[in-house]
Amino acid sequence: MNNNIIRILSITFLTLAVSVPAAGQKIMSGEAEIRDLDVSRAGNSLNVDMSVDITALAVGGDETVILTPVIVKGDRSIDLPSVEIMGRRAYMHYLRNGEQTITDNTACTARSVRRWQKTGREQYVAYSAAAPFEKWMRGATLTIREESCGCDDTPLALGATQVGRVLYTPYTPQYLLSFVEPEPEPVKTREESLSAYINFKVDKHAILADYKDNAAELASIVESVERVGEDSDLTITSISIEGWASPEAPENYNLALSQRRADALADYMAGNTDVDRAMITATGRGEDWVNFRAHVVALPQLLDRDKVLAIIDDGTMTLDEKDAALTKLIPPTIYRRLIGEIYPRLRRNDYRIVYNVRNFDVQEARALLDTDPKKLSLSEMYRVAGLYEKGSAEYDHVLTVAARTYPEQTAAVVNAAARMIEAGDYGGALALLDKAPDNAGVLNARGVAYARSGNTDKAREAWTQAAQQASAEAEHNLAELEKSLE
């Protein structure tokens, strides 16, 4: 064999070899040398082959030199069969007495050996042994333990020499995370959702511009509609209004009052903007107990808050019965706080302006990306990204804006997260993905981010969920993960 060649055996999921000096490794204080060392794994067996040059090894006539290859890592080790090189008289004693040699000494019980007589000529010992392969052996060292015995058969420790390290290259998994094409958007429909807090006189629905701070509120409502209507890129298609009331009157009365007040706002919008009244719908929703509960939870230091919440959550009472129970709370200051601090925020009109956006060419889209990205579709944004080299700061910026503008759209979130993963920003990718819906695409991307960051348990969990949603990529990634853990 050529001493400069280290053989490497490729096996399923793992490559094993031994790192050794090109000219061989000296042992026994330089009197012997390990050559052509080769470690390979075949199935469940770790094989060690080498040639031991003992030409210059000095061995006394009654001496036996014992060389024991040991695979060791941390506090774990395994001895391979030893090599015994015997002086002339020791070897003759062995021939006369068969196995009655140093091997049978109590200090060497159960050692299997290879025996040679030391001669005065050039001499090489061919060595081959195998041991059951265990995972802990990856990265272990191969050491030669050196001992000597004389006539009394008592081993004398001479030292130990590391002759190589069991190297391995872990399987590199190829995780799939494809670019997600956005859903086509032939008509770009957008909306703005706002709330109007108009002050009405008790039990009235007429809008009075000079009543309390109505002038500023009404100006804000008109401005929000005109801002959309006067934008040449936008076309208002509808406005919907939902009127809400607080609970301190009968439920049916509040429902009717909320309807009248929503109608009044619809009429005001039509009379003070260019939007046709026929495009505005108004719906009275009555008492808003959902937001009532949220405000109670958020109200600081509310006395007996648990009692208030218990009444709100009681499924056996009607809304009117709940209102009556709240008025009877002791002390009365509890109800007064509700009336003064929460009920005014429940009396409102929520309105939604729905509009269409015209399509833009790529240069127009580039100009809008940072000034008004909501006007752009994902496809238009990605056409802007196509103007830049993939991986450039400009390209990544477009994907980031897309994800920030459309955090509910899988394509926007997954594509931006994929770039972060490629750049090694696993935390940023996970923060982005955690805000998105848990669909198959998001879960698969989350698994890749976890796997690349070293959290294989979280990766497996995410991919398992994605695979249950029929994600072929997640199934592939699960298989790759298991290969890498072999």
Protein backbone atom coordinates (compact mmCIF):
# COMPACT_ATOMS: atom_id res chain seq x y z
CA MET A 1 0.00 0.00 0.00
CA ASN A 2 1.05 3.59 -0.57
CA ASN A 3 1.62 5.21 2.81
CA ASN A 4 0.33 8.56 1.51
CA ILE A 5 -3.16 7.29 0.77
CA ILE A 6 -5.99 7.41 3.31
CA ARG A 7 -8.92 5.41 2.09
CA ILE A 8 -12.45 6.70 2.71
CA LEU A 9 -15.49 4.46 2.51
CA SER A 10 -18.76 6.18 1.73
CA ILE A 11 -21.79 4.65 3.42
CA THR A 12 -25.42 5.48 3.70
CA PHE A 13 -25.91 8.75 5.59
CA LEU A 14 -22.31 8.82 6.90
CA THR A 15 -18.70 8.92 5.75
CA LEU A 16 -16.04 7.60 8.10
CA ALA A 17 -12.28 7.94 7.80
CA VAL A 18 -9.24 8.34 10.00
CA SER A 19 -7.07 11.42 10.10
CA VAL A 20 -3.41 10.33 10.13
CA PRO A 21 -0.10 11.91 9.10
CA ALA A 22 0.85 11.20 5.51
CA ALA A 23 4.09 9.44 6.53
CA GLY A 24 2.52 7.26 9.19
CA GLN A 25 2.35 7.58 12.98
CA LYS A 26 5.22 6.72 15.30
CA ILE A 27 4.50 4.65 18.41
CA MET A 28 6.63 3.04 21.15
CA SER A 29 8.80 6.16 21.47
CA GLY A 30 9.44 6.11 17.75
CA GLU A 31 10.60 2.47 17.51
CA ALA A 32 7.43 1.34 15.67
CA GLU A 33 5.14 2.96 13.18
CA ILE A 34 1.49 2.66 12.12
CA ARG A 35 1.12 2.69 8.36
CA ASP A 36 -1.80 2.54 5.91
CA LEU A 37 -4.37 3.06 8.63
CA ASP A 38 -7.91 2.63 7.32
CA VAL A 39 -11.13 2.79 9.28
CA SER A 40 -14.40 2.11 7.51
CA ARG A 41 -17.94 1.30 8.41
CA ALA A 42 -19.73 -1.58 6.71
CA GLY A 43 -23.28 -1.90 7.93
CA ASN A 44 -23.14 -2.21 11.70
CA SER A 45 -19.43 -2.95 11.82
CA LEU A 46 -16.51 -0.56 12.29
CA ASN A 47 -13.45 -2.05 10.61
CA VAL A 48 -9.84 -1.13 11.40
CA ASP A 49 -7.02 -2.12 9.05
CA MET A 50 -3.38 -1.10 9.31
CA SER A 51 0.17 -2.21 8.99
CA VAL A 52 2.50 -2.01 12.02
CA ASP A 53 6.15 -1.51 11.12
CA ILE A 54 8.09 -3.16 13.94
CA THR A 55 11.42 -3.34 12.13
CA ALA A 56 13.14 -1.01 14.60
CA LEU A 57 11.24 -2.19 17.69
CA ALA A 58 13.56 -3.44 20.43
CA VAL A 59 12.07 -6.48 22.18
CA GLY A 60 14.00 -8.45 24.82
CA GLY A 61 14.25 -12.22 24.58
CA ASP A 62 11.84 -12.83 27.46
CA GLU A 63 9.72 -9.77 26.71
CA THR A 64 6.30 -9.47 25.10
CA VAL A 65 5.25 -6.05 23.79
CA ILE A 66 1.47 -5.67 23.76
CA LEU A 67 -0.08 -3.13 21.40
CA THR A 68 -3.84 -2.68 21.86
CA PRO A 69 -5.83 -0.46 19.50
CA VAL A 70 -8.48 1.39 21.51
CA ILE A 71 -11.40 3.44 20.19
CA VAL A 72 -12.05 6.08 22.83
CA LYS A 73 -14.28 9.13 23.21
CA GLY A 74 -14.83 10.81 26.54
CA ASP A 75 -15.50 8.19 29.17
CA ARG A 76 -16.39 5.52 26.62
CA SER A 77 -13.94 3.16 24.98
CA ILE A 78 -13.64 -0.25 23.38
CA ASP A 79 -10.52 -2.41 23.07
CA LEU A 80 -9.82 -4.12 19.77
CA PRO A 81 -7.79 -7.34 19.63
CA SER A 82 -4.21 -6.79 20.75
CA VAL A 83 -0.97 -7.38 18.90
CA GLU A 84 1.69 -9.27 20.89
CA ILE A 85 5.27 -9.04 19.61
CA MET A 86 7.38 -11.58 21.43
CA GLY A 87 11.08 -11.92 21.96
CA ARG A 88 12.69 -15.27 20.91
CA ARG A 89 12.46 -17.03 24.28
CA ALA A 90 8.98 -15.67 25.01
CA TYR A 91 7.79 -16.91 21.63
CA MET A 92 9.32 -20.38 22.17
CA HIS A 93 7.57 -20.49 25.54
CA TYR A 94 4.31 -19.67 23.77
CA LEU A 95 4.82 -22.42 21.22
CA ARG A 96 5.51 -24.98 23.93
CA ASN A 97 2.60 -23.94 26.12
CA GLY A 98 -0.04 -23.00 23.54
CA GLU A 99 -2.34 -20.36 24.97
CA GLN A 100 -0.51 -20.24 28.35
CA THR A 101 0.86 -16.75 27.63
CA ILE A 102 0.37 -13.27 28.85
CA THR A 103 -3.16 -13.30 27.48
CA ASP A 104 -4.22 -15.64 30.28
CA ASN A 105 -2.85 -13.37 32.96
CA THR A 106 -5.68 -12.08 35.15
CA ALA A 107 -4.78 -8.56 34.10
CA CYS A 108 -5.47 -9.45 30.47
CA THR A 109 -8.53 -11.69 30.80
CA ALA A 110 -10.76 -11.96 27.71
CA ARG A 111 -8.24 -10.25 25.44
CA SER A 112 -8.08 -11.72 21.97
CA VAL A 113 -4.65 -11.30 20.43
CA ARG A 114 -2.52 -11.61 17.32
CA ARG A 115 0.99 -12.96 18.11
CA TRP A 116 4.24 -12.54 16.23
CA GLN A 117 7.86 -13.29 16.97
CA LYS A 118 10.18 -10.33 16.65
CA THR A 119 12.92 -11.03 14.16
CA GLY A 120 15.97 -9.06 13.26
CA ARG A 121 14.81 -8.42 9.73
CA GLU A 122 12.47 -5.85 8.20
CA GLN A 123 9.13 -6.77 9.66
CA TYR A 124 5.54 -5.59 9.22
CA VAL A 125 2.48 -6.83 11.08
CA ALA A 126 -0.71 -6.77 9.03
CA TYR A 127 -3.64 -5.96 11.29
CA SER A 128 -7.36 -6.20 10.68
CA ALA A 129 -10.15 -6.12 13.28
CA ALA A 130 -13.78 -5.13 13.61
CA ALA A 131 -16.09 -3.90 16.35
CA PRO A 132 -19.84 -3.29 16.46
CA PHE A 133 -20.44 0.29 15.34
CA GLU A 134 -22.11 2.65 17.81
CA LYS A 135 -23.02 6.30 17.30
CA TRP A 136 -20.71 7.48 20.06
CA MET A 137 -17.74 6.38 17.95
CA ARG A 138 -18.22 9.32 15.57
CA GLY A 139 -15.37 11.69 16.25
CA ALA A 140 -13.61 9.20 18.56
CA THR A 141 -9.83 8.76 18.62
CA LEU A 142 -7.93 5.63 17.73
CA THR A 143 -5.21 5.12 20.30
CA ILE A 144 -2.56 2.45 20.66
CA ARG A 145 -2.12 1.39 24.29
CA GLU A 146 1.47 0.22 24.80
CA GLU A 147 2.41 -2.42 27.42
CA SER A 148 5.24 -4.82 28.08
CA CYS A 149 5.52 -8.12 29.96
CA GLY A 150 8.57 -10.01 31.19
CA CYS A 151 8.95 -13.41 32.74
CA ASP A 152 6.42 -12.73 35.48
CA ASP A 153 3.63 -12.10 32.96
CA THR A 154 2.66 -8.84 34.71
CA PRO A 155 1.85 -6.11 32.13
CA LEU A 156 3.79 -2.90 32.52
CA ALA A 157 2.12 0.21 31.12
CA LEU A 158 4.42 2.03 28.73
CA GLY A 159 2.02 4.72 27.56
CA ALA A 160 -0.51 5.37 24.84
CA THR A 161 -0.25 7.07 21.48
CA GLN A 162 -3.10 8.59 19.50
CA VAL A 163 -2.66 7.46 15.93
CA GLY A 164 -5.76 8.95 14.36
CA ARG A 165 -9.21 10.32 14.84
CA VAL A 166 -12.37 8.75 13.50
CA LEU A 167 -13.72 11.45 11.25
CA TYR A 168 -17.20 11.64 9.89
CA THR A 169 -19.13 13.97 7.63
CA PRO A 170 -22.76 14.23 8.73
CA TYR A 171 -25.39 13.86 6.07
CA THR A 172 -26.28 17.29 4.75
CA PRO A 173 -30.06 17.42 4.43
CA GLN A 174 -31.52 19.14 1.39
CA TYR A 175 -34.58 20.92 2.77
CA LEU A 176 -37.16 22.21 0.31
CA LEU A 177 -38.59 25.70 0.60
CA SER A 178 -39.88 26.84 -2.76
CA PHE A 179 -40.78 30.34 -3.87
CA VAL A 180 -44.54 30.71 -3.55
CA GLU A 181 -46.33 32.29 -6.48
CA PRO A 182 -48.95 34.79 -5.34
CA GLU A 183 -52.60 34.23 -6.10
CA PRO A 184 -53.72 36.22 -9.16
CA GLU A 185 -55.56 39.42 -8.36
CA PRO A 186 -57.37 40.57 -11.53
CA VAL A 187 -59.22 43.25 -9.57
CA LYS A 188 -57.35 44.83 -6.67
CA THR A 189 -59.96 45.43 -4.00
CA ARG A 190 -58.89 47.23 -0.84
CA GLU A 191 -60.68 48.67 2.16
CA GLU A 192 -60.21 51.05 5.04
CA SER A 193 -61.95 50.35 8.34
CA LEU A 194 -62.57 53.27 10.70
CA SER A 195 -64.76 54.18 13.66
CA ALA A 196 -66.80 57.35 14.19
CA TYR A 197 -67.71 58.57 17.69
CA ILE A 198 -70.52 61.05 17.06
CA ASN A 199 -72.27 62.61 20.04
CA PHE A 200 -76.04 62.30 19.97
CA LYS A 201 -78.51 63.76 22.42
CA VAL A 202 -80.12 61.15 24.66
CA ASP A 203 -82.48 58.88 22.69
CA LYS A 204 -81.95 61.01 19.55
CA HIS A 205 -80.38 60.17 16.21
CA ALA A 206 -80.09 63.55 14.51
CA ILE A 207 -76.50 64.54 13.77
CA LEU A 208 -75.74 68.01 15.16
CA ALA A 209 -72.49 69.42 13.81
CA ASP A 210 -72.24 72.00 16.60
CA TYR A 211 -72.96 69.55 19.45
CA LYS A 212 -69.97 68.88 21.76
CA ASP A 213 -66.92 67.91 19.61
CA ASN A 214 -68.94 66.68 16.62
CA ALA A 215 -67.44 69.26 14.25
CA ALA A 216 -63.97 67.69 14.42
CA GLU A 217 -65.32 64.12 14.26
CA LEU A 218 -67.53 64.84 11.25
CA ALA A 219 -64.64 66.62 9.46
CA SER A 220 -62.49 63.53 10.01
CA ILE A 221 -65.21 61.28 8.54
CA VAL A 222 -65.58 63.44 5.43
CA GLU A 223 -61.80 63.67 5.00
CA SER A 224 -61.41 59.87 5.15
CA VAL A 225 -63.97 59.41 2.38
CA GLU A 226 -62.62 62.24 0.21
CA ARG A 227 -59.05 60.99 0.58
CA VAL A 228 -60.07 57.80 -1.18
CA GLY A 229 -62.55 59.36 -3.59
CA GLU A 230 -60.15 62.03 -4.83
CA ASP A 231 -57.28 59.61 -5.50
CA SER A 232 -57.22 59.03 -9.26
CA ASP A 233 -55.79 55.53 -8.71
CA LEU A 234 -58.81 54.48 -6.63
CA THR A 235 -62.51 53.95 -7.26
CA ILE A 236 -64.91 53.64 -4.33
CA THR A 237 -67.28 50.72 -4.82
CA SER A 238 -69.16 50.78 -1.51
CA ILE A 239 -69.27 52.08 2.05
CA SER A 240 -70.80 50.01 4.84
CA ILE A 241 -71.72 51.36 8.27
CA GLU A 242 -72.43 49.37 11.43
CA GLY A 243 -74.08 51.19 14.32
CA TRP A 244 -73.48 50.12 17.93
CA ALA A 245 -75.07 51.04 21.25
CA SER A 246 -74.25 50.73 24.95
CA PRO A 247 -76.37 48.42 27.18
CA GLU A 248 -78.18 50.89 29.47
CA ALA A 249 -81.60 50.57 27.80
CA PRO A 250 -83.77 47.64 26.60
CA GLU A 251 -82.10 45.49 23.97
CA ASN A 252 -84.75 46.02 21.28
CA TYR A 253 -84.72 49.76 21.81
CA ASN A 254 -80.93 49.90 21.46
CA LEU A 255 -81.07 47.84 18.28
CA ALA A 256 -83.52 50.28 16.70
CA LEU A 257 -81.57 53.30 17.95
CA SER A 258 -78.31 51.97 16.51
CA GLN A 259 -80.04 51.50 13.16
CA ARG A 260 -81.36 55.08 13.12
CA ARG A 261 -77.98 56.51 14.02
CA ALA A 262 -76.22 54.41 11.34
CA ASP A 263 -78.76 55.66 8.77
CA ALA A 264 -78.13 59.23 9.91
CA LEU A 265 -74.40 58.85 9.31
CA ALA A 266 -75.03 57.32 5.87
CA ASP A 267 -77.19 60.31 4.96
CA TYR A 268 -74.54 62.71 6.25
CA MET A 269 -71.82 61.03 4.18
CA ALA A 270 -73.92 61.17 1.02
CA GLY A 271 -74.76 64.82 1.65
CA ASN A 272 -71.21 65.95 2.31
CA THR A 273 -69.15 63.85 -0.14
CA ASP A 274 -69.44 62.78 -3.77
CA VAL A 275 -70.45 59.22 -2.83
CA ASP A 276 -73.96 58.29 -3.95
CA ARG A 277 -76.30 57.30 -1.11
CA ALA A 278 -77.15 54.08 -2.97
CA MET A 279 -73.52 52.96 -2.48
CA ILE A 280 -73.78 53.28 1.30
CA THR A 281 -75.35 50.57 3.45
CA ALA A 282 -76.21 51.06 7.12
CA THR A 283 -76.87 48.30 9.65
CA GLY A 284 -77.75 48.64 13.31
CA ARG A 285 -76.01 46.03 15.45
CA GLY A 286 -77.42 46.98 18.86
CA GLU A 287 -75.46 46.45 22.07
CA ASP A 288 -71.75 45.64 21.76
CA TRP A 289 -71.08 43.16 24.57
CA VAL A 290 -67.92 41.78 22.98
CA ASN A 291 -66.11 45.10 23.16
CA PHE A 292 -67.79 45.81 26.51
CA ARG A 293 -66.03 42.77 27.95
CA ALA A 294 -62.67 43.74 26.38
CA HIS A 295 -62.89 47.22 27.88
CA VAL A 296 -63.73 45.78 31.31
CA VAL A 297 -60.66 43.53 31.18
CA ALA A 298 -58.51 46.53 30.27
CA LEU A 299 -60.03 48.94 32.82
CA PRO A 300 -57.41 49.51 35.55
CA GLN A 301 -58.34 48.83 39.17
CA LEU A 302 -62.03 48.23 38.52
CA LEU A 303 -63.61 47.13 41.80
CA ASP A 304 -65.02 43.58 41.69
CA ARG A 305 -63.99 43.13 38.06
CA ASP A 306 -64.55 39.37 38.34
CA LYS A 307 -68.19 39.93 39.31
CA VAL A 308 -68.69 42.22 36.31
CA LEU A 309 -67.12 39.67 33.98
CA ALA A 310 -69.21 36.87 35.50
CA ILE A 311 -72.38 38.80 34.64
CA ILE A 312 -71.18 39.55 31.10
CA ASP A 313 -70.27 35.87 30.55
CA ASP A 314 -73.45 34.40 32.10
CA GLY A 315 -75.12 32.44 29.30
CA THR A 316 -78.37 31.95 31.23
CA MET A 317 -79.37 35.64 31.32
CA THR A 318 -80.79 37.82 28.57
CA LEU A 319 -78.97 41.04 27.72
CA ASP A 320 -81.57 43.07 29.59
CA GLU A 321 -81.14 40.87 32.66
CA LYS A 322 -77.39 41.37 32.49
CA ASP A 323 -77.86 45.14 32.30
CA ALA A 324 -80.15 45.04 35.33
CA ALA A 325 -77.66 42.93 37.29
CA LEU A 326 -74.90 45.44 36.57
CA THR A 327 -77.00 48.30 37.93
CA LYS A 328 -77.41 46.44 41.23
CA LEU A 329 -73.69 45.94 41.91
CA ILE A 330 -72.52 47.12 45.30
CA PRO A 331 -71.07 49.65 45.72
CA PRO A 332 -72.86 51.76 43.05
CA THR A 333 -69.54 53.30 42.05
CA ILE A 334 -68.85 50.16 39.99
CA TYR A 335 -71.76 50.85 37.64
CA ARG A 336 -70.97 54.56 37.57
CA ARG A 337 -67.47 53.77 36.32
CA LEU A 338 -68.94 51.57 33.58
CA ILE A 339 -71.35 54.32 32.56
CA GLY A 340 -68.71 57.04 32.61
CA GLU A 341 -65.60 55.28 31.24
CA ILE A 342 -66.72 52.37 29.04
CA TYR A 343 -70.23 52.97 27.70
CA PRO A 344 -69.28 56.10 25.68
CA ARG A 345 -66.75 54.02 23.73
CA LEU A 346 -69.41 51.46 22.86
CA ARG A 347 -71.66 54.09 21.21
CA ARG A 348 -70.08 54.36 17.80
CA ASN A 349 -70.44 53.77 14.08
CA ASP A 350 -67.85 51.56 12.44
CA TYR A 351 -67.54 52.22 8.71
CA ARG A 352 -65.64 50.47 5.95
CA ILE A 353 -64.69 52.13 2.67
CA VAL A 354 -64.25 49.53 -0.09
CA TYR A 355 -62.48 50.56 -3.29
CA ASN A 356 -60.70 49.18 -6.36
CA VAL A 357 -57.13 50.09 -7.33
CA ARG A 358 -55.96 50.40 -10.91
CA ASN A 359 -53.06 48.29 -12.18
CA PHE A 360 -49.54 49.72 -12.45
CA ASP A 361 -46.57 49.12 -14.71
CA VAL A 362 -43.27 48.14 -13.09
CA GLN A 363 -41.85 51.67 -12.95
CA GLU A 364 -45.02 53.04 -11.37
CA ALA A 365 -44.99 50.14 -8.92
CA ARG A 366 -41.38 50.86 -7.95
CA ALA A 367 -42.31 54.47 -7.16
CA LEU A 368 -45.24 53.34 -4.98
CA LEU A 369 -43.40 50.58 -3.11
CA ASP A 370 -42.29 52.78 -0.22
CA THR A 371 -44.91 55.52 -0.44
CA ASP A 372 -48.18 53.59 -0.82
CA PRO A 373 -47.49 49.82 -1.06
CA LYS A 374 -51.10 48.89 -0.28
CA LYS A 375 -52.01 49.98 -3.81
CA LEU A 376 -49.82 47.23 -5.25
CA SER A 377 -50.62 43.58 -5.66
CA LEU A 378 -48.04 40.98 -4.67
CA SER A 379 -47.46 40.26 -8.35
CA GLU A 380 -46.68 43.91 -8.99
CA MET A 381 -44.29 43.95 -6.03
CA TYR A 382 -42.49 40.86 -7.30
CA ARG A 383 -42.12 42.44 -10.71
CA VAL A 384 -40.31 45.27 -8.93
CA ALA A 385 -38.14 42.70 -7.15
CA GLY A 386 -37.27 41.29 -10.56
CA LEU A 387 -35.52 44.56 -11.39
CA TYR A 388 -32.82 43.68 -8.85
CA GLU A 389 -30.37 40.84 -8.42
CA LYS A 390 -31.71 38.10 -6.17
CA GLY A 391 -30.18 38.40 -2.74
CA SER A 392 -29.34 42.08 -3.12
CA ALA A 393 -30.42 44.58 -0.47
CA GLU A 394 -32.97 46.05 -2.89
CA TYR A 395 -34.43 42.63 -3.69
CA ASP A 396 -34.74 41.72 -0.01
CA HIS A 397 -36.31 45.11 0.73
CA VAL A 398 -39.12 44.45 -1.75
CA LEU A 399 -39.87 41.07 -0.14
CA THR A 400 -39.85 42.64 3.32
CA VAL A 401 -42.29 45.36 2.26
CA ALA A 402 -44.54 42.72 0.70
CA ALA A 403 -44.63 40.68 3.92
CA ARG A 404 -45.24 43.79 6.04
CA THR A 405 -48.06 44.94 3.76
CA TYR A 406 -49.74 41.53 3.43
CA PRO A 407 -48.95 39.58 6.63
CA GLU A 408 -51.95 37.30 6.05
CA GLN A 409 -50.86 36.15 2.60
CA THR A 410 -48.79 32.98 2.52
CA ALA A 411 -46.77 33.94 -0.54
CA ALA A 412 -45.65 37.26 0.96
CA VAL A 413 -44.66 35.81 4.32
CA VAL A 414 -43.02 32.59 3.11
CA ASN A 415 -40.97 34.25 0.38
CA ALA A 416 -39.64 36.92 2.73
CA ALA A 417 -38.90 34.31 5.40
CA ALA A 418 -37.06 32.16 2.85
CA ARG A 419 -34.68 35.02 2.08
CA MET A 420 -34.07 35.55 5.81
CA ILE A 421 -33.31 31.85 6.23
CA GLU A 422 -30.85 31.97 3.33
CA ALA A 423 -29.17 34.93 5.03
CA GLY A 424 -28.98 33.06 8.36
CA ASP A 425 -31.55 35.28 10.10
CA TYR A 426 -33.57 32.41 11.55
CA GLY A 427 -34.98 34.46 14.42
CA GLY A 428 -36.27 37.12 12.02
CA ALA A 429 -37.84 34.47 9.80
CA LEU A 430 -39.59 32.81 12.74
CA ALA A 431 -40.87 36.15 14.06
CA LEU A 432 -42.39 36.83 10.65
CA LEU A 433 -43.86 33.35 10.24
CA ASP A 434 -45.32 33.28 13.74
CA LYS A 435 -47.66 36.15 12.80
CA ALA A 436 -49.01 34.32 9.74
CA PRO A 437 -51.83 31.74 9.55
CA ASP A 438 -50.72 28.16 10.26
CA ASN A 439 -51.24 26.76 6.78
CA ALA A 440 -49.03 24.15 5.11
CA GLY A 441 -46.72 26.66 3.41
CA VAL A 442 -46.10 28.67 6.56
CA LEU A 443 -45.59 25.53 8.66
CA ASN A 444 -43.09 24.12 6.17
CA ALA A 445 -41.10 27.36 6.15
CA ARG A 446 -41.21 27.47 9.95
CA GLY A 447 -39.80 23.92 10.03
CA VAL A 448 -36.90 24.92 7.78
CA ALA A 449 -36.09 27.91 10.00
CA TYR A 450 -36.13 25.71 13.10
CA ALA A 451 -34.01 23.00 11.46
CA ARG A 452 -31.39 25.46 10.22
CA SER A 453 -31.19 27.00 13.69
CA GLY A 454 -30.60 23.55 15.23
CA ASN A 455 -34.00 23.03 16.88
CA THR A 456 -34.85 19.69 15.30
CA ASP A 457 -37.72 18.96 17.69
CA LYS A 458 -39.57 22.13 16.70
CA ALA A 459 -38.75 21.47 13.03
CA ARG A 460 -40.23 17.98 13.23
CA GLU A 461 -43.35 19.33 14.93
CA ALA A 462 -43.92 21.99 12.26
CA TRP A 463 -43.28 19.61 9.35
CA THR A 464 -45.55 16.96 10.85
CA GLN A 465 -48.39 19.47 10.97
CA ALA A 466 -47.66 20.60 7.41
CA ALA A 467 -47.53 16.99 6.18
CA GLN A 468 -50.95 16.42 7.73
CA GLN A 469 -52.12 19.21 5.42
CA ALA A 470 -50.75 17.27 2.42
CA SER A 471 -47.51 19.24 1.99
CA ALA A 472 -45.17 17.18 -0.19
CA GLU A 473 -42.28 19.51 0.72
CA ALA A 474 -42.85 18.91 4.43
CA GLU A 475 -42.89 15.13 3.90
CA HIS A 476 -39.59 15.38 2.02
CA ASN A 477 -38.10 17.58 4.75
CA LEU A 478 -39.15 15.14 7.47
CA ALA A 479 -37.38 12.33 5.64
CA GLU A 480 -34.25 14.49 5.21
CA LEU A 481 -34.30 15.35 8.90
CA GLU A 482 -34.40 11.70 9.92
CA LYS A 483 -31.50 10.92 7.58
CA SER A 484 -29.42 13.65 9.14
CA LEU A 485 -30.12 12.28 12.62
CA GLU A 486 -29.07 8.74 11.79
